[in-house]
C-alpha atoms as a PDB file:
ATOM      1  CA  MET A   1     -60.354  19.812  61.824  1.00  0.00           C
ATOM      2  CA  VAL A   2     -63.803  21.218  61.258  1.00  0.00           C
ATOM      3  CA  THR A   3     -62.300  24.486  60.059  1.00  0.00           C
ATOM      4  CA  GLY A   4     -60.311  22.606  57.422  1.00  0.00           C
ATOM      5  CA  ILE A   5     -63.393  20.668  56.309  1.00  0.00           C
ATOM      6  CA  ILE A   6     -65.466  23.820  55.970  1.00  0.00           C
ATOM      7  CA  SER A   7     -62.575  25.473  54.129  1.00  0.00           C
ATOM      8  CA  ALA A   8     -62.523  22.607  51.624  1.00  0.00           C
ATOM      9  CA  GLY A   9     -66.297  22.844  51.212  1.00  0.00           C
ATOM     10  CA  THR A  10     -66.266  26.575  50.616  1.00  0.00           C
ATOM     11  CA  PHE A  11     -63.458  26.112  48.102  1.00  0.00           C
ATOM     12  CA  LEU A  12     -65.725  23.836  46.088  1.00  0.00           C
ATOM     13  CA  LEU A  13     -69.039  25.617  46.596  1.00  0.00           C
ATOM     14  CA  GLY A  14     -68.609  29.057  48.043  1.00  0.00           C
ATOM     15  CA  PRO A  15     -66.472  32.167  47.900  1.00  0.00           C
ATOM     16  CA  SER A  16     -62.759  31.505  47.604  1.00  0.00           C
ATOM     17  CA  TRP A  17     -61.845  34.315  50.030  1.00  0.00           C
ATOM     18  CA  LEU A  18     -63.737  32.544  52.810  1.00  0.00           C
ATOM     19  CA  SER A  19     -61.981  29.292  51.960  1.00  0.00           C
ATOM     20  CA  ARG A  20     -58.559  30.954  52.179  1.00  0.00           C
ATOM     21  CA  ALA A  21     -59.448  32.676  55.471  1.00  0.00           C
ATOM     22  CA  LEU A  22     -60.601  29.406  57.034  1.00  0.00           C
ATOM     23  CA  LEU A  23     -57.506  27.634  55.736  1.00  0.00           C
ATOM     24  CA  ALA A  24     -55.300  30.300  57.347  1.00  0.00           C
ATOM     25  CA  ALA A  25     -57.197  29.911  60.651  1.00  0.00           C
ATOM     26  CA  ALA A  26     -56.771  26.131  60.535  1.00  0.00           C
ATOM     27  CA  ALA A  27     -53.045  26.458  59.777  1.00  0.00           C
ATOM     28  CA  ALA A  28     -52.588  28.924  62.656  1.00  0.00           C
ATOM     29  CA  GLY A  29     -54.407  26.572  65.014  1.00  0.00           C
ATOM     30  CA  LEU A  30     -52.183  23.690  63.939  1.00  0.00           C
ATOM     31  CA  ALA A  31     -49.059  25.773  64.574  1.00  0.00           C
ATOM     32  CA  VAL A  32     -50.238  26.766  68.059  1.00  0.00           C
ATOM     33  CA  LEU A  33     -51.169  23.201  68.995  1.00  0.00           C
ATOM     34  CA  SER A  34     -47.858  21.854  67.646  1.00  0.00           C
ATOM     35  CA  ALA A  35     -45.894  24.392  69.692  1.00  0.00           C
ATOM     36  CA  ALA A  36     -47.885  23.559  72.828  1.00  0.00           C
ATOM     37  CA  LEU A  37     -47.244  19.850  72.309  1.00  0.00           C
ATOM     38  CA  ALA A  38     -43.512  20.430  71.868  1.00  0.00           C
ATOM     39  CA  VAL A  39     -43.310  22.504  75.053  1.00  0.00           C
ATOM     40  CA  ARG A  40     -45.307  19.945  77.051  1.00  0.00           C
ATOM     41  CA  LEU A  41     -43.192  17.026  75.723  1.00  0.00           C
ATOM     42  CA  ALA A  42     -39.954  18.862  76.508  1.00  0.00           C
ATOM     43  CA  GLY A  43     -41.143  19.759  80.008  1.00  0.00           C
ATOM     44  CA  LEU A  44     -42.193  16.199  80.728  1.00  0.00           C
ATOM     45  CA  ALA A  45     -38.920  14.813  79.421  1.00  0.00           C
ATOM     46  CA  ALA A  46     -36.890  17.195  81.588  1.00  0.00           C
ATOM     47  CA  ALA A  47     -38.857  16.349  84.732  1.00  0.00           C
ATOM     48  CA  VAL A  48     -38.667  12.598  84.138  1.00  0.00           C
ATOM     49  CA  ARG A  49     -34.961  12.815  83.378  1.00  0.00           C
ATOM     50  CA  LEU A  50     -34.246  14.678  86.616  1.00  0.00           C
ATOM     51  CA  VAL A  51     -36.218  12.213  88.711  1.00  0.00           C
ATOM     52  CA  LEU A  52     -34.755   9.135  87.066  1.00  0.00           C
ATOM     53  CA  THR A  53     -31.172  10.359  86.841  1.00  0.00           C
ATOM     54  CA  TYR A  54     -30.847  11.810  90.325  1.00  0.00           C
ATOM     55  CA  GLY A  55     -33.824  10.635  92.373  1.00  0.00           C
ATOM     56  CA  VAL A  56     -33.686   6.886  91.827  1.00  0.00           C
ATOM     57  CA  PRO A  57     -29.956   6.404  92.458  1.00  0.00           C
ATOM     58  CA  ALA A  58     -30.018   8.772  95.437  1.00  0.00           C
ATOM     59  CA  SER A  59     -32.929   6.942  97.029  1.00  0.00           C
ATOM     60  CA  LEU A  60     -31.245   3.586  96.486  1.00  0.00           C
ATOM     61  CA  LEU A  61     -27.933   4.752  97.888  1.00  0.00           C
ATOM     62  CA  LEU A  62     -29.369   6.583 100.887  1.00  0.00           C
ATOM     63  CA  THR A  63     -31.884   3.994 102.073  1.00  0.00           C
ATOM     64  CA  ARG A  64     -29.547   0.981 102.254  1.00  0.00           C
ATOM     65  CA  GLU A  65     -27.845   0.709 105.635  1.00  0.00           C
ATOM     66  CA  ARG A  66     -26.587  -2.864 105.991  1.00  0.00           C
ATOM     67  CA  ASP A  67     -25.308  -4.238 102.693  1.00  0.00           C
ATOM     68  CA  PRO A  68     -23.499  -2.258 100.007  1.00  0.00           C
ATOM     69  CA  VAL A  69     -25.694  -1.140  97.125  1.00  0.00           C
ATOM     70  CA  LEU A  70     -23.095  -1.757  94.477  1.00  0.00           C
ATOM     71  CA  GLY A  71     -22.911  -5.436  95.423  1.00  0.00           C
ATOM     72  CA  GLY A  72     -26.379  -5.988  93.929  1.00  0.00           C
ATOM     73  CA  ALA A  73     -25.909  -3.725  90.905  1.00  0.00           C
ATOM     74  CA  ASN A  74     -26.579  -5.277  87.502  1.00  0.00           C
ATOM     75  CA  GLY A  75     -27.590  -4.188  84.005  1.00  0.00           C
ATOM     76  CA  ALA A  76     -31.137  -3.381  85.101  1.00  0.00           C
ATOM     77  CA  TRP A  77     -29.793  -0.271  86.793  1.00  0.00           C
ATOM     78  CA  LEU A  78     -29.247   1.283  83.388  1.00  0.00           C
ATOM     79  CA  LEU A  79     -32.955   1.203  82.541  1.00  0.00           C
ATOM     80  CA  TRP A  80     -33.549   4.727  83.809  1.00  0.00           C
ATOM     81  CA  VAL A  81     -30.765   6.050  81.573  1.00  0.00           C
ATOM     82  CA  VAL A  82     -32.217   4.308  78.521  1.00  0.00           C
ATOM     83  CA  GLY A  83     -35.703   5.584  79.399  1.00  0.00           C
ATOM     84  CA  ALA A  84     -34.490   9.166  79.662  1.00  0.00           C
ATOM     85  CA  GLN A  85     -32.610   8.875  76.375  1.00  0.00           C
ATOM     86  CA  SER A  86     -35.669   7.491  74.614  1.00  0.00           C
ATOM     87  CA  LEU A  87     -37.698  10.499  75.774  1.00  0.00           C
ATOM     88  CA  SER A  88     -35.113  12.865  74.348  1.00  0.00           C
ATOM     89  CA  VAL A  89     -35.003  10.982  71.049  1.00  0.00           C
ATOM     90  CA  ALA A  90     -38.805  10.907  70.791  1.00  0.00           C
ATOM     91  CA  GLY A  91     -39.029  14.662  71.331  1.00  0.00           C
ATOM     92  CA  PRO A  92     -39.380  17.199  68.546  1.00  0.00           C
ATOM     93  CA  ARG A  93     -36.315  17.827  66.419  1.00  0.00           C
ATOM     94  CA  ARG A  94     -35.190  21.343  65.734  1.00  0.00           C
END
């Protein structure tokens, strides 16, 4: 952000070559940070999806010994599917 501000200031007051160089540095920094955010968001979404899709149902099915699990199943069981889908929708589009 500071690089962009100084670039704008040098465009108005100083040499234009310095302004263009600072603008290029700011644009490169934005590209790197955007790519890092996309990778982190995709990694988080994949990990959460694996845990919610396989971990939660497996733990519920394997820990119940007396009564059948499916007898108490209702619409709330679909929350992990909706949560995983919302992470994939919120992710970056390519």
